N, C-alpha and C. Protein backbone atom coordinates (compact mmCIF):
# COMPACT_ATOMS: atom_id res chain seq x y z
N MET A 1 -7.08 33.82 -118.34
CA MET A 1 -7.00 32.92 -117.21
C MET A 1 -6.36 33.63 -116.03
N GLU A 2 -6.71 33.17 -114.84
CA GLU A 2 -6.15 33.75 -113.64
C GLU A 2 -4.71 33.31 -113.44
N GLU A 3 -3.99 34.06 -112.63
CA GLU A 3 -2.61 33.73 -112.32
C GLU A 3 -2.59 32.48 -111.44
N THR A 4 -1.68 31.58 -111.72
CA THR A 4 -1.52 30.36 -110.93
C THR A 4 -0.09 30.25 -110.45
N LEU A 5 0.14 29.32 -109.53
CA LEU A 5 1.48 29.13 -109.00
C LEU A 5 2.42 28.52 -110.02
N HIS A 6 1.89 27.71 -110.91
CA HIS A 6 2.73 27.00 -111.88
C HIS A 6 2.19 27.24 -113.28
N ASP A 7 3.08 27.54 -114.20
CA ASP A 7 2.66 27.69 -115.59
C ASP A 7 2.49 26.34 -116.25
N HIS A 8 3.23 25.35 -115.78
CA HIS A 8 3.19 24.02 -116.38
C HIS A 8 3.10 22.98 -115.27
N ALA A 9 2.57 21.83 -115.62
CA ALA A 9 2.48 20.76 -114.64
C ALA A 9 3.88 20.36 -114.20
N VAL A 10 4.01 20.04 -112.91
CA VAL A 10 5.30 19.60 -112.38
C VAL A 10 5.72 18.32 -113.07
N VAL A 11 4.78 17.40 -113.19
CA VAL A 11 5.01 16.15 -113.90
C VAL A 11 4.02 16.14 -115.06
N PRO A 12 4.49 16.27 -116.29
CA PRO A 12 3.56 16.29 -117.43
C PRO A 12 2.67 15.05 -117.45
N ARG A 13 1.44 15.26 -117.90
CA ARG A 13 0.52 14.14 -118.02
C ARG A 13 1.05 13.15 -119.05
N THR A 14 0.82 11.88 -118.76
CA THR A 14 1.20 10.86 -119.73
C THR A 14 0.20 10.89 -120.88
N ASP A 15 0.57 10.30 -122.00
CA ASP A 15 -0.36 10.22 -123.12
C ASP A 15 -1.63 9.48 -122.72
N GLU A 16 -1.48 8.45 -121.90
CA GLU A 16 -2.64 7.67 -121.44
C GLU A 16 -3.57 8.54 -120.60
N GLU A 17 -2.99 9.35 -119.70
CA GLU A 17 -3.81 10.25 -118.88
C GLU A 17 -4.55 11.26 -119.75
N LYS A 18 -3.84 11.85 -120.70
CA LYS A 18 -4.47 12.82 -121.60
C LYS A 18 -5.60 12.18 -122.38
N ASP A 19 -5.33 11.00 -122.95
CA ASP A 19 -6.34 10.31 -123.76
C ASP A 19 -7.59 10.02 -122.95
N LYS A 20 -7.40 9.57 -121.72
CA LYS A 20 -8.55 9.23 -120.87
C LYS A 20 -9.42 10.45 -120.60
N VAL A 21 -8.79 11.55 -120.23
CA VAL A 21 -9.56 12.77 -119.94
C VAL A 21 -10.19 13.31 -121.22
N LEU A 22 -9.44 13.33 -122.31
CA LEU A 22 -9.99 13.85 -123.57
C LEU A 22 -11.16 13.02 -124.07
N LYS A 23 -11.09 11.70 -123.92
CA LYS A 23 -12.21 10.85 -124.33
C LYS A 23 -13.46 11.18 -123.52
N ARG A 24 -13.28 11.37 -122.22
CA ARG A 24 -14.42 11.70 -121.37
C ARG A 24 -15.00 13.05 -121.75
N LEU A 25 -14.13 14.03 -122.03
CA LEU A 25 -14.62 15.36 -122.41
C LEU A 25 -15.33 15.33 -123.76
N LYS A 26 -14.83 14.54 -124.69
CA LYS A 26 -15.49 14.43 -125.99
C LYS A 26 -16.86 13.76 -125.85
N ARG A 27 -16.95 12.79 -124.94
CA ARG A 27 -18.24 12.13 -124.69
C ARG A 27 -19.23 13.15 -124.11
N ILE A 28 -18.73 13.98 -123.19
CA ILE A 28 -19.58 15.02 -122.60
C ILE A 28 -20.01 16.02 -123.68
N GLU A 29 -19.08 16.37 -124.55
CA GLU A 29 -19.41 17.29 -125.65
C GLU A 29 -20.54 16.70 -126.52
N GLY A 30 -20.45 15.41 -126.77
CA GLY A 30 -21.51 14.74 -127.53
C GLY A 30 -22.85 14.77 -126.79
N GLN A 31 -22.80 14.61 -125.49
CA GLN A 31 -24.03 14.67 -124.70
C GLN A 31 -24.65 16.07 -124.77
N VAL A 32 -23.81 17.10 -124.74
CA VAL A 32 -24.32 18.47 -124.83
C VAL A 32 -24.98 18.68 -126.19
N ARG A 33 -24.35 18.20 -127.24
CA ARG A 33 -24.97 18.31 -128.57
C ARG A 33 -26.30 17.57 -128.61
N GLY A 34 -26.36 16.44 -127.93
CA GLY A 34 -27.61 15.68 -127.86
C GLY A 34 -28.71 16.47 -127.19
N ILE A 35 -28.36 17.20 -126.15
CA ILE A 35 -29.36 18.04 -125.46
C ILE A 35 -29.81 19.17 -126.37
N GLN A 36 -28.89 19.74 -127.14
CA GLN A 36 -29.29 20.78 -128.08
C GLN A 36 -30.33 20.25 -129.06
N LYS A 37 -30.11 19.04 -129.54
CA LYS A 37 -31.07 18.43 -130.47
C LYS A 37 -32.40 18.15 -129.78
N MET A 38 -32.32 17.75 -128.51
CA MET A 38 -33.56 17.50 -127.76
C MET A 38 -34.38 18.78 -127.63
N VAL A 39 -33.70 19.90 -127.36
CA VAL A 39 -34.40 21.19 -127.25
C VAL A 39 -34.99 21.57 -128.60
N GLU A 40 -34.20 21.41 -129.67
CA GLU A 40 -34.70 21.74 -131.01
C GLU A 40 -35.92 20.89 -131.36
N ALA A 41 -35.93 19.64 -130.90
CA ALA A 41 -37.04 18.73 -131.19
C ALA A 41 -38.19 18.89 -130.20
N ASP A 42 -38.04 19.86 -129.28
CA ASP A 42 -39.07 20.13 -128.29
C ASP A 42 -39.39 18.89 -127.45
N ARG A 43 -38.34 18.20 -127.02
CA ARG A 43 -38.50 17.00 -126.20
C ARG A 43 -39.02 17.35 -124.81
N TYR A 44 -39.51 16.37 -124.12
CA TYR A 44 -40.07 16.52 -122.79
C TYR A 44 -39.02 17.07 -121.83
N CYS A 45 -39.40 18.07 -121.05
CA CYS A 45 -38.47 18.78 -120.16
C CYS A 45 -37.73 17.83 -119.21
N VAL A 46 -38.43 16.87 -118.65
CA VAL A 46 -37.80 15.96 -117.69
C VAL A 46 -36.70 15.15 -118.36
N ASP A 47 -36.91 14.74 -119.60
CA ASP A 47 -35.87 14.01 -120.32
C ASP A 47 -34.62 14.87 -120.50
N ILE A 48 -34.82 16.14 -120.78
CA ILE A 48 -33.71 17.06 -120.94
C ILE A 48 -32.99 17.24 -119.60
N LEU A 49 -33.75 17.41 -118.54
CA LEU A 49 -33.16 17.59 -117.21
C LEU A 49 -32.34 16.37 -116.79
N VAL A 50 -32.81 15.19 -117.12
CA VAL A 50 -32.05 13.97 -116.79
C VAL A 50 -30.71 13.98 -117.50
N GLN A 51 -30.70 14.40 -118.75
CA GLN A 51 -29.45 14.46 -119.51
C GLN A 51 -28.51 15.55 -118.96
N ILE A 52 -29.07 16.67 -118.55
CA ILE A 52 -28.26 17.72 -117.95
C ILE A 52 -27.61 17.21 -116.67
N SER A 53 -28.37 16.48 -115.87
CA SER A 53 -27.84 15.91 -114.64
C SER A 53 -26.69 14.94 -114.93
N ALA A 54 -26.83 14.15 -115.97
CA ALA A 54 -25.78 13.20 -116.35
C ALA A 54 -24.50 13.94 -116.75
N ILE A 55 -24.66 15.05 -117.47
CA ILE A 55 -23.50 15.84 -117.89
C ILE A 55 -22.82 16.48 -116.68
N GLN A 56 -23.61 17.01 -115.78
CA GLN A 56 -23.03 17.62 -114.58
C GLN A 56 -22.22 16.59 -113.80
N SER A 57 -22.76 15.40 -113.66
CA SER A 57 -22.06 14.33 -112.95
C SER A 57 -20.77 13.95 -113.67
N ALA A 58 -20.83 13.84 -114.98
CA ALA A 58 -19.65 13.47 -115.77
C ALA A 58 -18.56 14.54 -115.64
N LEU A 59 -18.94 15.81 -115.71
CA LEU A 59 -17.96 16.89 -115.56
C LEU A 59 -17.36 16.90 -114.16
N LYS A 60 -18.20 16.67 -113.17
CA LYS A 60 -17.70 16.63 -111.80
C LYS A 60 -16.67 15.51 -111.64
N ASN A 61 -16.93 14.37 -112.26
CA ASN A 61 -15.98 13.25 -112.18
C ASN A 61 -14.66 13.56 -112.87
N VAL A 62 -14.72 14.25 -114.00
CA VAL A 62 -13.48 14.68 -114.66
C VAL A 62 -12.73 15.64 -113.74
N GLY A 63 -13.45 16.54 -113.11
CA GLY A 63 -12.84 17.47 -112.18
C GLY A 63 -12.17 16.76 -111.01
N TYR A 64 -12.81 15.73 -110.48
CA TYR A 64 -12.22 14.96 -109.38
C TYR A 64 -10.92 14.29 -109.83
N GLU A 65 -10.95 13.77 -111.04
CA GLU A 65 -9.77 13.10 -111.58
C GLU A 65 -8.59 14.08 -111.73
N VAL A 66 -8.87 15.25 -112.26
CA VAL A 66 -7.83 16.27 -112.44
C VAL A 66 -7.34 16.75 -111.07
N THR A 67 -8.26 16.91 -110.14
CA THR A 67 -7.90 17.33 -108.78
C THR A 67 -6.98 16.31 -108.11
N GLU A 68 -7.33 15.04 -108.24
CA GLU A 68 -6.51 13.99 -107.64
C GLU A 68 -5.10 14.01 -108.20
N ARG A 69 -4.99 14.16 -109.50
CA ARG A 69 -3.67 14.19 -110.12
C ARG A 69 -2.88 15.41 -109.64
N HIS A 70 -3.57 16.54 -109.56
CA HIS A 70 -2.93 17.77 -109.10
C HIS A 70 -2.39 17.59 -107.68
N MET A 71 -3.18 16.98 -106.83
CA MET A 71 -2.75 16.78 -105.44
C MET A 71 -1.56 15.83 -105.36
N LYS A 72 -1.60 14.76 -106.13
CA LYS A 72 -0.54 13.76 -106.06
C LYS A 72 0.77 14.24 -106.67
N HIS A 73 0.70 15.16 -107.61
CA HIS A 73 1.92 15.62 -108.29
C HIS A 73 2.29 17.04 -107.89
N CYS A 74 1.46 18.00 -108.24
CA CYS A 74 1.81 19.41 -108.06
C CYS A 74 1.86 19.81 -106.59
N VAL A 75 0.81 19.46 -105.84
CA VAL A 75 0.77 19.84 -104.43
C VAL A 75 1.85 19.09 -103.65
N ALA A 76 1.97 17.80 -103.91
CA ALA A 76 3.00 17.01 -103.22
C ALA A 76 4.39 17.57 -103.50
N ASP A 77 4.64 17.97 -104.74
CA ASP A 77 5.94 18.54 -105.10
C ASP A 77 6.16 19.86 -104.37
N ALA A 78 5.13 20.69 -104.31
CA ALA A 78 5.25 21.98 -103.62
C ALA A 78 5.53 21.77 -102.13
N ILE A 79 4.86 20.80 -101.53
CA ILE A 79 5.09 20.51 -100.11
C ILE A 79 6.53 20.07 -99.89
N SER A 80 7.02 19.19 -100.76
CA SER A 80 8.40 18.69 -100.59
C SER A 80 9.43 19.80 -100.77
N LYS A 81 9.07 20.86 -101.50
CA LYS A 81 9.99 21.99 -101.71
C LYS A 81 9.78 23.11 -100.69
N GLY A 82 8.83 22.88 -99.76
CA GLY A 82 8.57 23.89 -98.74
C GLY A 82 7.59 24.96 -99.14
N ASP A 83 6.93 24.80 -100.28
CA ASP A 83 5.95 25.78 -100.77
C ASP A 83 4.52 25.26 -100.65
N GLY A 84 4.31 24.37 -99.74
CA GLY A 84 3.02 23.70 -99.64
C GLY A 84 1.86 24.60 -99.29
N ASP A 85 2.08 25.58 -98.42
CA ASP A 85 0.97 26.43 -97.98
C ASP A 85 0.33 27.17 -99.15
N ASP A 86 1.15 27.77 -100.02
CA ASP A 86 0.61 28.49 -101.17
C ASP A 86 -0.15 27.55 -102.10
N SER A 87 0.42 26.38 -102.33
CA SER A 87 -0.20 25.42 -103.22
C SER A 87 -1.54 24.93 -102.66
N ILE A 88 -1.57 24.68 -101.38
CA ILE A 88 -2.81 24.24 -100.74
C ILE A 88 -3.86 25.34 -100.77
N GLU A 89 -3.45 26.58 -100.52
CA GLU A 89 -4.39 27.71 -100.59
C GLU A 89 -4.98 27.84 -101.99
N GLU A 90 -4.12 27.71 -103.00
CA GLU A 90 -4.58 27.79 -104.39
C GLU A 90 -5.60 26.69 -104.67
N LEU A 91 -5.29 25.47 -104.25
CA LEU A 91 -6.20 24.34 -104.47
C LEU A 91 -7.52 24.54 -103.73
N MET A 92 -7.46 25.01 -102.50
CA MET A 92 -8.69 25.22 -101.73
C MET A 92 -9.58 26.27 -102.40
N ALA A 93 -8.98 27.31 -102.94
CA ALA A 93 -9.77 28.34 -103.64
C ALA A 93 -10.49 27.74 -104.84
N VAL A 94 -9.79 26.88 -105.56
CA VAL A 94 -10.41 26.24 -106.73
C VAL A 94 -11.50 25.27 -106.29
N LEU A 95 -11.24 24.51 -105.22
CA LEU A 95 -12.24 23.56 -104.74
C LEU A 95 -13.50 24.26 -104.26
N LYS A 96 -13.36 25.43 -103.66
CA LYS A 96 -14.52 26.21 -103.25
C LYS A 96 -15.35 26.61 -104.46
N GLN A 97 -14.67 27.00 -105.52
CA GLN A 97 -15.36 27.34 -106.78
C GLN A 97 -16.03 26.10 -107.37
N PHE A 98 -15.32 25.00 -107.33
CA PHE A 98 -15.77 23.75 -107.92
C PHE A 98 -17.04 23.23 -107.24
N SER A 99 -17.15 23.49 -105.94
CA SER A 99 -18.26 22.92 -105.19
C SER A 99 -19.51 23.79 -105.19
N LYS A 100 -19.47 24.92 -105.89
CA LYS A 100 -20.65 25.79 -105.95
C LYS A 100 -21.73 25.17 -106.78
């Protein structure tokens, strides 16, 4: 992994936050397995593409959720401590990657 400003979250995720994200990721994992089965069964390409699109959307939504939490906790904390510029630069670099 690349070097980051923080090794640990400023405010640890609650169990509820973790469960919500993990449930979504497990659902996405199941969708990916479903696509693998569709390919093995030689399903119609458009059906596979629709499922791929659904997975991309689901992952993007998980990313937005994690980003929002990061901004509300980690970035806000860095700003209050006077380290906001570095934190914002780090986030912007990740967002540029995320939006590719």
